[in-house]
Amino acid sequence: MRLLLVEDDVMVASGIKLGLTDAGYAVDWVASAERALEVTEKESFDAAVIDIGLPRMDGLELTQRLRRSGQSMPVMILTARDALSDRVHGLDLGADDYMIKPFELPELLARLRALLRRSQAATSAVLSFGPLELDTANRRATLGGETLDLGPREWTVMEYLLINAPKPASKEKLLHALTGWDKEITPNAVEVYISRLRGKLEPHGLALRSIRGFGYRLEQQAPPVPGQD
């Protein structure tokens, strides 16, 4: 999952970004609302974490402008203001959730997971498809009841495939999820991770089908017909 962090305090932003990155997210950071508007016009994100106290244009106006421009990604507002009226105003302007500083990172991560599930129409922290299960809260994968070892980027690809199943996931979306501005990978890297996942899934009756010119779809393999080689 790719997140946009909008925070003008360098130390606070560094801490949040580190925590989100350690949790497996690709995080891009900007220090102003104006810059956030620029990047969201050109690139896509799965969610935004926005501080209210930004210079010039504050986080509430930024959220309102994002919604007016048609951006539907979940927005988490961060603020030191604890007045009920401020929280209500932020939600009315289009924010999806609100956290008051100081906060604990585990709670931020849990709330982000909830926002992302709602945005993807998922009702549970556990994503499943046939014998495959991904526990997104505990970052634990199982296949046929056995632990499935997934590297960080393998996890990201697998999570997107499961969220979209049985529909295909676009290669472009997978690429965006795998990297932020400070990391560069080629489109061929997606194929590398798909190949690795195929090797882990196919022995258990799951297939990753290539959709020409688009991306990949997670499918259950048809059982072999008795008597056929």
Foldseek 3Di string as FASTA:
>chain_A
DEEEEEAQDPVVVVVLCVLVVVLLFAYDYDHALVVVVVVVVPDDGQEYEAEQPGPPHGRLVSLLVCVVVPNDHAYEYEYQDDDPVVQVSSVVSPHDYYDHPPDDSLVVVVVVLVSSCVVLVHDACWFDDVQWIANSSVRWIDGVNHTDDDDSLLSLVVVQQRSQPQHFAFLVVSLSRRHDPVDDDDSCVSVVSQVVVQVVCVVRQWHWDADPPTGTHIDGHDDDDPPDD
